[in-house]
C-alpha atoms as a PDB file:
ATOM      1  CA  UNK A   1      45.608  86.991  49.089  1.00  0.00           C
ATOM      2  CA  UNK A   2      46.918  83.596  50.140  1.00  0.00           C
ATOM      3  CA  UNK A   3      48.998  83.686  46.634  1.00  0.00           C
ATOM      4  CA  UNK A   4      50.218  87.172  47.545  1.00  0.00           C
ATOM      5  CA  UNK A   5      51.449  86.115  50.833  1.00  0.00           C
ATOM      6  CA  UNK A   6      53.106  83.424  49.534  1.00  0.00           C
ATOM      7  CA  UNK A   7      54.807  85.269  46.436  1.00  0.00           C
ATOM      8  CA  UNK A   8      56.169  88.027  49.075  1.00  0.00           C
ATOM      9  CA  UNK A   9      57.393  85.225  51.339  1.00  0.00           C
ATOM     10  CA  UNK A  10      59.239  83.854  48.152  1.00  0.00           C
ATOM     11  CA  UNK A  11      60.872  87.288  46.848  1.00  0.00           C
ATOM     12  CA  UNK A  12      61.942  88.130  50.442  1.00  0.00           C
ATOM     13  CA  UNK A  13      63.698  84.785  50.765  1.00  0.00           C
ATOM     14  CA  UNK A  14      65.417  85.644  46.905  1.00  0.00           C
ATOM     15  CA  UNK A  15      65.948  88.769  48.169  1.00  0.00           C
ATOM     16  CA  UNK A  16      67.940  87.594  51.524  1.00  0.00           C
ATOM     17  CA  UNK A  17      70.197  85.051  49.257  1.00  0.00           C
ATOM     18  CA  UNK A  18      71.138  87.361  46.439  1.00  0.00           C
ATOM     19  CA  UNK A  19      72.202  90.058  49.082  1.00  0.00           C
ATOM     20  CA  UNK A  20      74.362  87.323  51.014  1.00  0.00           C
ATOM     21  CA  UNK A  21      77.933  88.052  50.788  1.00  0.00           C
ATOM     22  CA  UNK A  22      80.411  85.849  48.809  1.00  0.00           C
ATOM     23  CA  UNK A  23      81.269  82.996  50.390  1.00  0.00           C
ATOM     24  CA  UNK A  24      84.887  83.457  52.112  1.00  0.00           C
ATOM     25  CA  UNK A  25      86.183  80.044  51.983  1.00  0.00           C
ATOM     26  CA  UNK A  26      89.229  78.015  53.409  1.00  0.00           C
ATOM     27  CA  UNK A  27      90.863  76.039  51.181  1.00  0.00           C
ATOM     28  CA  UNK A  28      94.097  74.188  51.258  1.00  0.00           C
ATOM     29  CA  UNK A  29      96.907  72.155  49.643  1.00  0.00           C
ATOM     30  CA  UNK A  30      95.620  68.612  48.389  1.00  0.00           C
ATOM     31  CA  UNK A  31      96.598  67.991  44.893  1.00  0.00           C
ATOM     32  CA  UNK A  32      95.192  67.015  42.513  1.00  0.00           C
ATOM     33  CA  UNK A  33      91.843  68.283  43.817  1.00  0.00           C
ATOM     34  CA  UNK A  34      92.696  71.450  45.541  1.00  0.00           C
ATOM     35  CA  UNK A  35      96.127  73.533  45.684  1.00  0.00           C
ATOM     36  CA  UNK A  36      96.715  77.392  45.040  1.00  0.00           C
ATOM     37  CA  UNK A  37      99.422  75.999  42.437  1.00  0.00           C
ATOM     38  CA  UNK A  38      96.656  74.145  40.122  1.00  0.00           C
ATOM     39  CA  UNK A  39      94.768  75.493  37.493  1.00  0.00           C
ATOM     40  CA  UNK A  40      91.397  76.965  38.766  1.00  0.00           C
ATOM     41  CA  UNK A  41      92.970  75.615  42.096  1.00  0.00           C
ATOM     42  CA  UNK A  42      92.352  71.915  41.371  1.00  0.00           C
ATOM     43  CA  UNK A  43      89.220  70.166  40.219  1.00  0.00           C
ATOM     44  CA  UNK A  44      87.471  70.145  43.561  1.00  0.00           C
ATOM     45  CA  UNK A  45      87.562  74.126  43.852  1.00  0.00           C
ATOM     46  CA  UNK A  46      86.744  74.648  40.318  1.00  0.00           C
ATOM     47  CA  UNK A  47      83.721  72.217  41.190  1.00  0.00           C
ATOM     48  CA  UNK A  48      82.458  74.513  44.047  1.00  0.00           C
ATOM     49  CA  UNK A  49      83.083  77.764  42.349  1.00  0.00           C
ATOM     50  CA  UNK A  50      80.775  76.464  39.112  1.00  0.00           C
ATOM     51  CA  UNK A  51      78.065  74.708  41.605  1.00  0.00           C
ATOM     52  CA  UNK A  52      78.074  77.863  43.754  1.00  0.00           C
ATOM     53  CA  UNK A  53      77.530  80.192  40.846  1.00  0.00           C
ATOM     54  CA  UNK A  54      74.815  78.008  39.771  1.00  0.00           C
ATOM     55  CA  UNK A  55      73.385  78.354  42.786  1.00  0.00           C
ATOM     56  CA  UNK A  56      73.452  81.902  42.746  1.00  0.00           C
ATOM     57  CA  UNK A  57      76.538  82.388  45.070  1.00  0.00           C
ATOM     58  CA  UNK A  58      80.301  83.541  44.592  1.00  0.00           C
ATOM     59  CA  UNK A  59      83.469  82.363  46.201  1.00  0.00           C
ATOM     60  CA  UNK A  60      86.270  83.434  47.264  1.00  0.00           C
ATOM     61  CA  UNK A  61      89.292  81.256  48.196  1.00  0.00           C
ATOM     62  CA  UNK A  62      91.755  81.804  50.813  1.00  0.00           C
ATOM     63  CA  UNK A  63      94.740  79.089  51.633  1.00  0.00           C
ATOM     64  CA  UNK A  64      95.643  78.151  55.014  1.00  0.00           C
ATOM     65  CA  UNK A  65      96.798  75.100  56.874  1.00  0.00           C
ATOM     66  CA  UNK A  66      94.006  72.423  57.528  1.00  0.00           C
ATOM     67  CA  UNK A  67      94.213  72.681  61.134  1.00  0.00           C
ATOM     68  CA  UNK A  68      93.914  76.574  60.943  1.00  0.00           C
ATOM     69  CA  UNK A  69      90.848  75.879  58.345  1.00  0.00           C
ATOM     70  CA  UNK A  70      89.149  73.999  60.599  1.00  0.00           C
ATOM     71  CA  UNK A  71      89.375  76.363  63.443  1.00  0.00           C
ATOM     72  CA  UNK A  72      88.544  78.860  61.124  1.00  0.00           C
ATOM     73  CA  UNK A  73      85.083  77.295  60.333  1.00  0.00           C
ATOM     74  CA  UNK A  74      84.374  76.498  63.785  1.00  0.00           C
ATOM     75  CA  UNK A  75      84.906  80.385  65.021  1.00  0.00           C
ATOM     76  CA  UNK A  76      82.853  81.379  62.255  1.00  0.00           C
ATOM     77  CA  UNK A  77      86.058  83.450  60.713  1.00  0.00           C
ATOM     78  CA  UNK A  78      85.446  82.258  57.434  1.00  0.00           C
ATOM     79  CA  UNK A  79      81.881  80.746  55.794  1.00  0.00           C
ATOM     80  CA  UNK A  80      83.346  77.626  55.403  1.00  0.00           C
ATOM     81  CA  UNK A  81      86.014  75.185  53.846  1.00  0.00           C
ATOM     82  CA  UNK A  82      86.603  72.275  51.252  1.00  0.00           C
ATOM     83  CA  UNK A  83      86.651  69.437  51.017  1.00  0.00           C
ATOM     84  CA  UNK A  84      86.132  67.543  54.264  1.00  0.00           C
ATOM     85  CA  UNK A  85      85.241  64.381  55.458  1.00  0.00           C
ATOM     86  CA  UNK A  86      81.871  64.513  57.556  1.00  0.00           C
ATOM     87  CA  UNK A  87      82.750  63.208  61.112  1.00  0.00           C
ATOM     88  CA  UNK A  88      80.301  63.909  64.454  1.00  0.00           C
ATOM     89  CA  UNK A  89      82.468  66.341  65.601  1.00  0.00           C
ATOM     90  CA  UNK A  90      82.466  68.782  62.491  1.00  0.00           C
ATOM     91  CA  UNK A  91      78.872  68.150  62.516  1.00  0.00           C
ATOM     92  CA  UNK A  92      78.767  69.667  65.948  1.00  0.00           C
ATOM     93  CA  UNK A  93      80.117  73.302  64.161  1.00  0.00           C
ATOM     94  CA  UNK A  94      78.986  72.703  60.443  1.00  0.00           C
ATOM     95  CA  UNK A  95      76.744  71.993  57.876  1.00  0.00           C
ATOM     96  CA  UNK A  96      77.736  69.522  54.707  1.00  0.00           C
ATOM     97  CA  UNK A  97      77.181  69.644  51.306  1.00  0.00           C
ATOM     98  CA  UNK A  98      76.409  66.437  48.855  1.00  0.00           C
ATOM     99  CA  UNK A  99      79.787  64.890  48.041  1.00  0.00           C
ATOM    100  CA  UNK A 100      81.624  66.819  45.649  1.00  0.00           C
ATOM    101  CA  UNK A 101      84.433  63.920  45.407  1.00  0.00           C
ATOM    102  CA  UNK A 102      84.651  60.724  46.345  1.00  0.00           C
ATOM    103  CA  UNK A 103      87.783  58.216  46.864  1.00  0.00           C
ATOM    104  CA  UNK A 104      89.420  55.014  48.213  1.00  0.00           C
ATOM    105  CA  UNK A 105      91.164  55.547  51.259  1.00  0.00           C
ATOM    106  CA  UNK A 106      94.138  53.117  50.610  1.00  0.00           C
ATOM    107  CA  UNK A 107      96.955  52.348  53.235  1.00  0.00           C
ATOM    108  CA  UNK A 108     100.686  53.058  52.011  1.00  0.00           C
ATOM    109  CA  UNK A 109     103.648  51.359  53.697  1.00  0.00           C
ATOM    110  CA  UNK A 110     107.318  50.723  52.989  1.00  0.00           C
ATOM    111  CA  UNK A 111     107.447  48.081  50.390  1.00  0.00           C
ATOM    112  CA  UNK A 112     110.431  46.315  51.543  1.00  0.00           C
ATOM    113  CA  UNK A 113     108.472  46.017  55.103  1.00  0.00           C
ATOM    114  CA  UNK A 114     105.214  43.599  54.117  1.00  0.00           C
ATOM    115  CA  UNK A 115     101.993  44.823  55.853  1.00  0.00           C
ATOM    116  CA  UNK A 116      99.317  42.368  56.466  1.00  0.00           C
ATOM    117  CA  UNK A 117      95.962  43.280  54.494  1.00  0.00           C
ATOM    118  CA  UNK A 118      92.576  42.413  55.370  1.00  0.00           C
ATOM    119  CA  UNK A 119      91.187  40.177  56.830  1.00  0.00           C
ATOM    120  CA  UNK A 120      94.107  39.982  58.585  1.00  0.00           C
ATOM    121  CA  UNK A 121      95.141  43.680  59.533  1.00  0.00           C
ATOM    122  CA  UNK A 122      92.354  43.379  62.188  1.00  0.00           C
ATOM    123  CA  UNK A 123      95.541  41.288  63.753  1.00  0.00           C
ATOM    124  CA  UNK A 124      98.026  44.166  63.392  1.00  0.00           C
ATOM    125  CA  UNK A 125     100.499  44.649  66.108  1.00  0.00           C
ATOM    126  CA  UNK A 126     102.831  47.869  66.968  1.00  0.00           C
ATOM    127  CA  UNK A 127     101.727  49.558  63.645  1.00  0.00           C
ATOM    128  CA  UNK A 128     102.543  53.169  63.752  1.00  0.00           C
ATOM    129  CA  UNK A 129     100.574  55.261  61.335  1.00  0.00           C
ATOM    130  CA  UNK A 130     101.060  58.735  59.630  1.00  0.00           C
ATOM    131  CA  UNK A 131      97.993  60.754  60.571  1.00  0.00           C
ATOM    132  CA  UNK A 132      98.094  64.460  58.188  1.00  0.00           C
ATOM    133  CA  UNK A 133      96.448  67.223  60.198  1.00  0.00           C
ATOM    134  CA  UNK A 134      92.818  67.332  59.016  1.00  0.00           C
ATOM    135  CA  UNK A 135      92.686  63.492  58.053  1.00  0.00           C
ATOM    136  CA  UNK A 136      90.012  61.592  59.924  1.00  0.00           C
ATOM    137  CA  UNK A 137      90.390  57.972  61.460  1.00  0.00           C
ATOM    138  CA  UNK A 138      88.290  55.198  60.679  1.00  0.00           C
ATOM    139  CA  UNK A 139      86.202  52.928  62.718  1.00  0.00           C
ATOM    140  CA  UNK A 140      88.614  49.698  62.006  1.00  0.00           C
ATOM    141  CA  UNK A 141      91.684  51.767  62.826  1.00  0.00           C
ATOM    142  CA  UNK A 142      90.002  53.222  65.961  1.00  0.00           C
ATOM    143  CA  UNK A 143      89.336  49.849  67.487  1.00  0.00           C
ATOM    144  CA  UNK A 144      92.584  48.503  66.613  1.00  0.00           C
ATOM    145  CA  UNK A 145      94.485  51.752  68.632  1.00  0.00           C
ATOM    146  CA  UNK A 146      92.014  51.059  71.656  1.00  0.00           C
ATOM    147  CA  UNK A 147      93.268  47.908  71.856  1.00  0.00           C
ATOM    148  CA  UNK A 148      96.802  48.800  71.561  1.00  0.00           C
ATOM    149  CA  UNK A 149      97.834  47.413  68.265  1.00  0.00           C
ATOM    150  CA  UNK A 150      98.071  50.819  66.355  1.00  0.00           C
ATOM    151  CA  UNK A 151      99.326  54.150  67.186  1.00  0.00           C
ATOM    152  CA  UNK A 152      98.508  57.401  65.050  1.00  0.00           C
ATOM    153  CA  UNK A 153     101.406  60.098  64.845  1.00  0.00           C
ATOM    154  CA  UNK A 154     100.193  63.297  63.405  1.00  0.00           C
ATOM    155  CA  UNK A 155     101.887  65.063  60.820  1.00  0.00           C
ATOM    156  CA  UNK A 156     101.714  68.396  59.094  1.00  0.00           C
ATOM    157  CA  UNK A 157     101.492  67.583  55.394  1.00  0.00           C
ATOM    158  CA  UNK A 158     100.568  63.599  53.601  1.00  0.00           C
ATOM    159  CA  UNK A 159     104.316  64.126  51.911  1.00  0.00           C
ATOM    160  CA  UNK A 160     105.723  64.583  55.421  1.00  0.00           C
ATOM    161  CA  UNK A 161     104.069  61.011  56.258  1.00  0.00           C
ATOM    162  CA  UNK A 162     105.447  59.494  53.300  1.00  0.00           C
ATOM    163  CA  UNK A 163     108.773  60.427  53.634  1.00  0.00           C
ATOM    164  CA  UNK A 164     108.848  59.093  57.479  1.00  0.00           C
ATOM    165  CA  UNK A 165     107.832  55.709  55.966  1.00  0.00           C
ATOM    166  CA  UNK A 166     110.774  55.921  53.499  1.00  0.00           C
ATOM    167  CA  UNK A 167     112.882  56.753  56.322  1.00  0.00           C
ATOM    168  CA  UNK A 168     111.682  53.977  58.431  1.00  0.00           C
ATOM    169  CA  UNK A 169     110.313  56.470  61.469  1.00  0.00           C
ATOM    170  CA  UNK A 170     106.715  55.283  60.734  1.00  0.00           C
ATOM    171  CA  UNK A 171     105.022  51.495  59.668  1.00  0.00           C
ATOM    172  CA  UNK A 172     102.178  53.064  57.288  1.00  0.00           C
ATOM    173  CA  UNK A 173      99.683  56.106  56.409  1.00  0.00           C
ATOM    174  CA  UNK A 174      96.253  56.224  55.199  1.00  0.00           C
ATOM    175  CA  UNK A 175      95.507  58.376  52.112  1.00  0.00           C
ATOM    176  CA  UNK A 176      93.007  59.369  49.451  1.00  0.00           C
ATOM    177  CA  UNK A 177      94.502  57.460  46.416  1.00  0.00           C
ATOM    178  CA  UNK A 178      93.965  60.163  43.912  1.00  0.00           C
ATOM    179  CA  UNK A 179      96.014  62.637  46.386  1.00  0.00           C
ATOM    180  CA  UNK A 180      98.516  59.435  46.949  1.00  0.00           C
ATOM    181  CA  UNK A 181      99.375  59.306  43.076  1.00  0.00           C
ATOM    182  CA  UNK A 182      99.904  62.920  42.722  1.00  0.00           C
ATOM    183  CA  UNK A 183     102.361  63.034  45.576  1.00  0.00           C
ATOM    184  CA  UNK A 184     104.092  59.967  44.094  1.00  0.00           C
ATOM    185  CA  UNK A 185     104.291  61.520  40.465  1.00  0.00           C
ATOM    186  CA  UNK A 186     105.081  65.137  41.473  1.00  0.00           C
ATOM    187  CA  UNK A 187     106.944  65.099  44.798  1.00  0.00           C
ATOM    188  CA  UNK A 188     109.261  61.675  44.766  1.00  0.00           C
ATOM    189  CA  UNK A 189     111.754  59.931  42.379  1.00  0.00           C
ATOM    190  CA  UNK A 190     111.628  57.322  40.966  1.00  0.00           C
ATOM    191  CA  UNK A 191     113.565  55.190  43.271  1.00  0.00           C
ATOM    192  CA  UNK A 192     111.562  56.337  46.149  1.00  0.00           C
ATOM    193  CA  UNK A 193     108.164  55.670  44.256  1.00  0.00           C
ATOM    194  CA  UNK A 194     109.613  51.723  43.728  1.00  0.00           C
ATOM    195  CA  UNK A 195     109.934  51.964  47.902  1.00  0.00           C
ATOM    196  CA  UNK A 196     106.522  52.314  48.774  1.00  0.00           C
ATOM    197  CA  UNK A 197     103.425  50.049  47.954  1.00  0.00           C
ATOM    198  CA  UNK A 198      99.778  50.292  49.290  1.00  0.00           C
ATOM    199  CA  UNK A 199      97.442  47.085  50.179  1.00  0.00           C
ATOM    200  CA  UNK A 200      95.098  45.494  48.144  1.00  0.00           C
ATOM    201  CA  UNK A 201      92.119  46.219  50.024  1.00  0.00           C
ATOM    202  CA  UNK A 202      91.164  49.808  50.959  1.00  0.00           C
ATOM    203  CA  UNK A 203      90.031  51.347  54.317  1.00  0.00           C
ATOM    204  CA  UNK A 204      86.577  52.659  52.749  1.00  0.00           C
ATOM    205  CA  UNK A 205      85.647  54.996  50.077  1.00  0.00           C
ATOM    206  CA  UNK A 206      85.277  58.371  51.429  1.00  0.00           C
ATOM    207  CA  UNK A 207      83.292  61.385  50.371  1.00  0.00           C
ATOM    208  CA  UNK A 208      84.651  64.729  50.779  1.00  0.00           C
ATOM    209  CA  UNK A 209      82.030  67.994  51.023  1.00  0.00           C
ATOM    210  CA  UNK A 210      82.114  71.413  51.203  1.00  0.00           C
ATOM    211  CA  UNK A 211      81.015  72.713  54.985  1.00  0.00           C
ATOM    212  CA  UNK A 212      79.736  75.845  56.043  1.00  0.00           C
ATOM    213  CA  UNK A 213      80.016  77.161  59.574  1.00  0.00           C
ATOM    214  CA  UNK A 214      77.138  77.245  61.616  1.00  0.00           C
ATOM    215  CA  UNK A 215      78.120  80.565  62.975  1.00  0.00           C
ATOM    216  CA  UNK A 216      76.381  81.800  60.290  1.00  0.00           C
ATOM    217  CA  UNK A 217      72.389  82.616  59.959  1.00  0.00           C
ATOM    218  CA  UNK A 218      72.583  81.891  56.299  1.00  0.00           C
ATOM    219  CA  UNK A 219      74.468  78.887  56.238  1.00  0.00           C
ATOM    220  CA  UNK A 220      71.257  76.234  55.633  1.00  0.00           C
ATOM    221  CA  UNK A 221      69.992  78.395  52.735  1.00  0.00           C
ATOM    222  CA  UNK A 222      73.483  78.878  51.189  1.00  0.00           C
ATOM    223  CA  UNK A 223      74.216  75.125  51.577  1.00  0.00           C
ATOM    224  CA  UNK A 224      70.778  74.559  50.026  1.00  0.00           C
ATOM    225  CA  UNK A 225      71.431  76.687  47.377  1.00  0.00           C
ATOM    226  CA  UNK A 226      74.996  75.123  46.483  1.00  0.00           C
ATOM    227  CA  UNK A 227      73.314  71.577  46.692  1.00  0.00           C
ATOM    228  CA  UNK A 228      70.852  72.574  43.921  1.00  0.00           C
ATOM    229  CA  UNK A 229      73.880  73.953  42.013  1.00  0.00           C
ATOM    230  CA  UNK A 230      76.390  70.873  42.144  1.00  0.00           C
ATOM    231  CA  UNK A 231      73.306  68.802  41.097  1.00  0.00           C
ATOM    232  CA  UNK A 232      72.682  70.393  37.875  1.00  0.00           C
ATOM    233  CA  UNK A 233      76.459  70.207  37.275  1.00  0.00           C
ATOM    234  CA  UNK A 234      76.264  66.755  37.474  1.00  0.00           C
ATOM    235  CA  UNK A 235      73.168  66.272  35.433  1.00  0.00           C
ATOM    236  CA  UNK A 236      74.056  68.717  32.663  1.00  0.00           C
ATOM    237  CA  UNK A 237      77.587  66.528  32.227  1.00  0.00           C
ATOM    238  CA  UNK A 238      79.507  69.895  32.805  1.00  0.00           C
ATOM    239  CA  UNK A 239      81.099  67.859  36.310  1.00  0.00           C
ATOM    240  CA  UNK A 240      82.471  65.514  33.778  1.00  0.00           C
ATOM    241  CA  UNK A 241      84.101  67.825  31.575  1.00  0.00           C
ATOM    242  CA  UNK A 242      85.802  69.246  34.687  1.00  0.00           C
ATOM    243  CA  UNK A 243      86.807  65.739  35.547  1.00  0.00           C
ATOM    244  CA  UNK A 244      88.485  64.995  32.300  1.00  0.00           C
ATOM    245  CA  UNK A 245      90.095  68.587  32.035  1.00  0.00           C
ATOM    246  CA  UNK A 246      91.211  68.873  35.815  1.00  0.00           C
ATOM    247  CA  UNK A 247      91.829  65.560  37.090  1.00  0.00           C
ATOM    248  CA  UNK A 248      94.592  63.587  36.552  1.00  0.00           C
ATOM    249  CA  UNK A 249      93.631  59.505  35.544  1.00  0.00           C
ATOM    250  CA  UNK A 250      89.820  60.576  35.349  1.00  0.00           C
ATOM    251  CA  UNK A 251      87.186  58.269  36.272  1.00  0.00           C
ATOM    252  CA  UNK A 252      88.254  57.410  39.471  1.00  0.00           C
ATOM    253  CA  UNK A 253      85.825  60.266  40.951  1.00  0.00           C
ATOM    254  CA  UNK A 254      82.055  59.161  40.760  1.00  0.00           C
END
């Protein structure tokens, strides 16, 4: 009798998940990982699609500005969004997957205006940092901000931040390394590229994840299914194949 009850419970769980609607995910412009203009919407989007499929889920993407995408997850207007760094504030309204990609967060500045690297950057003074919408602040720089050494300025896109550095309106910006190199290659002239530099020491290596809205009752079950698919994608070697096919300079993403 006990085995029958267990079997029925497993069947019910399977039916619940199989009848779950297609995941509506807010996507955004963050090449080379995500873009409406890239093959398969970019490397991270392809990974999410295939991992979800292996977990028995389907996904549908809509592309939105990052601030709106985050609010749509908070309010439950979409099932989730990709890819995001996990923060205590986002934990309050979203569940987070295992890492989809990881990247080094680098400090970009004007080549003609040297900026102190670690450990001397602990003594920065009067540094104005661009912070693209949707980006997180880092513990080290939050402390400097509280001490009045750093001031943040919100910008709509990373490209806007780079152009503000070039124009001398901002001291620096932190950005995922692969995203920075994609912007350098696709959006800047050779002369503009020569005017930008990065500090040798990154702020930290950041994992970026799928987040699903806590407003949806099936979010936990869907996330577990997604994580199983993501693990299978990595173990099968398919993740590495997608990396080679879709991610420039493959090998930077563990």
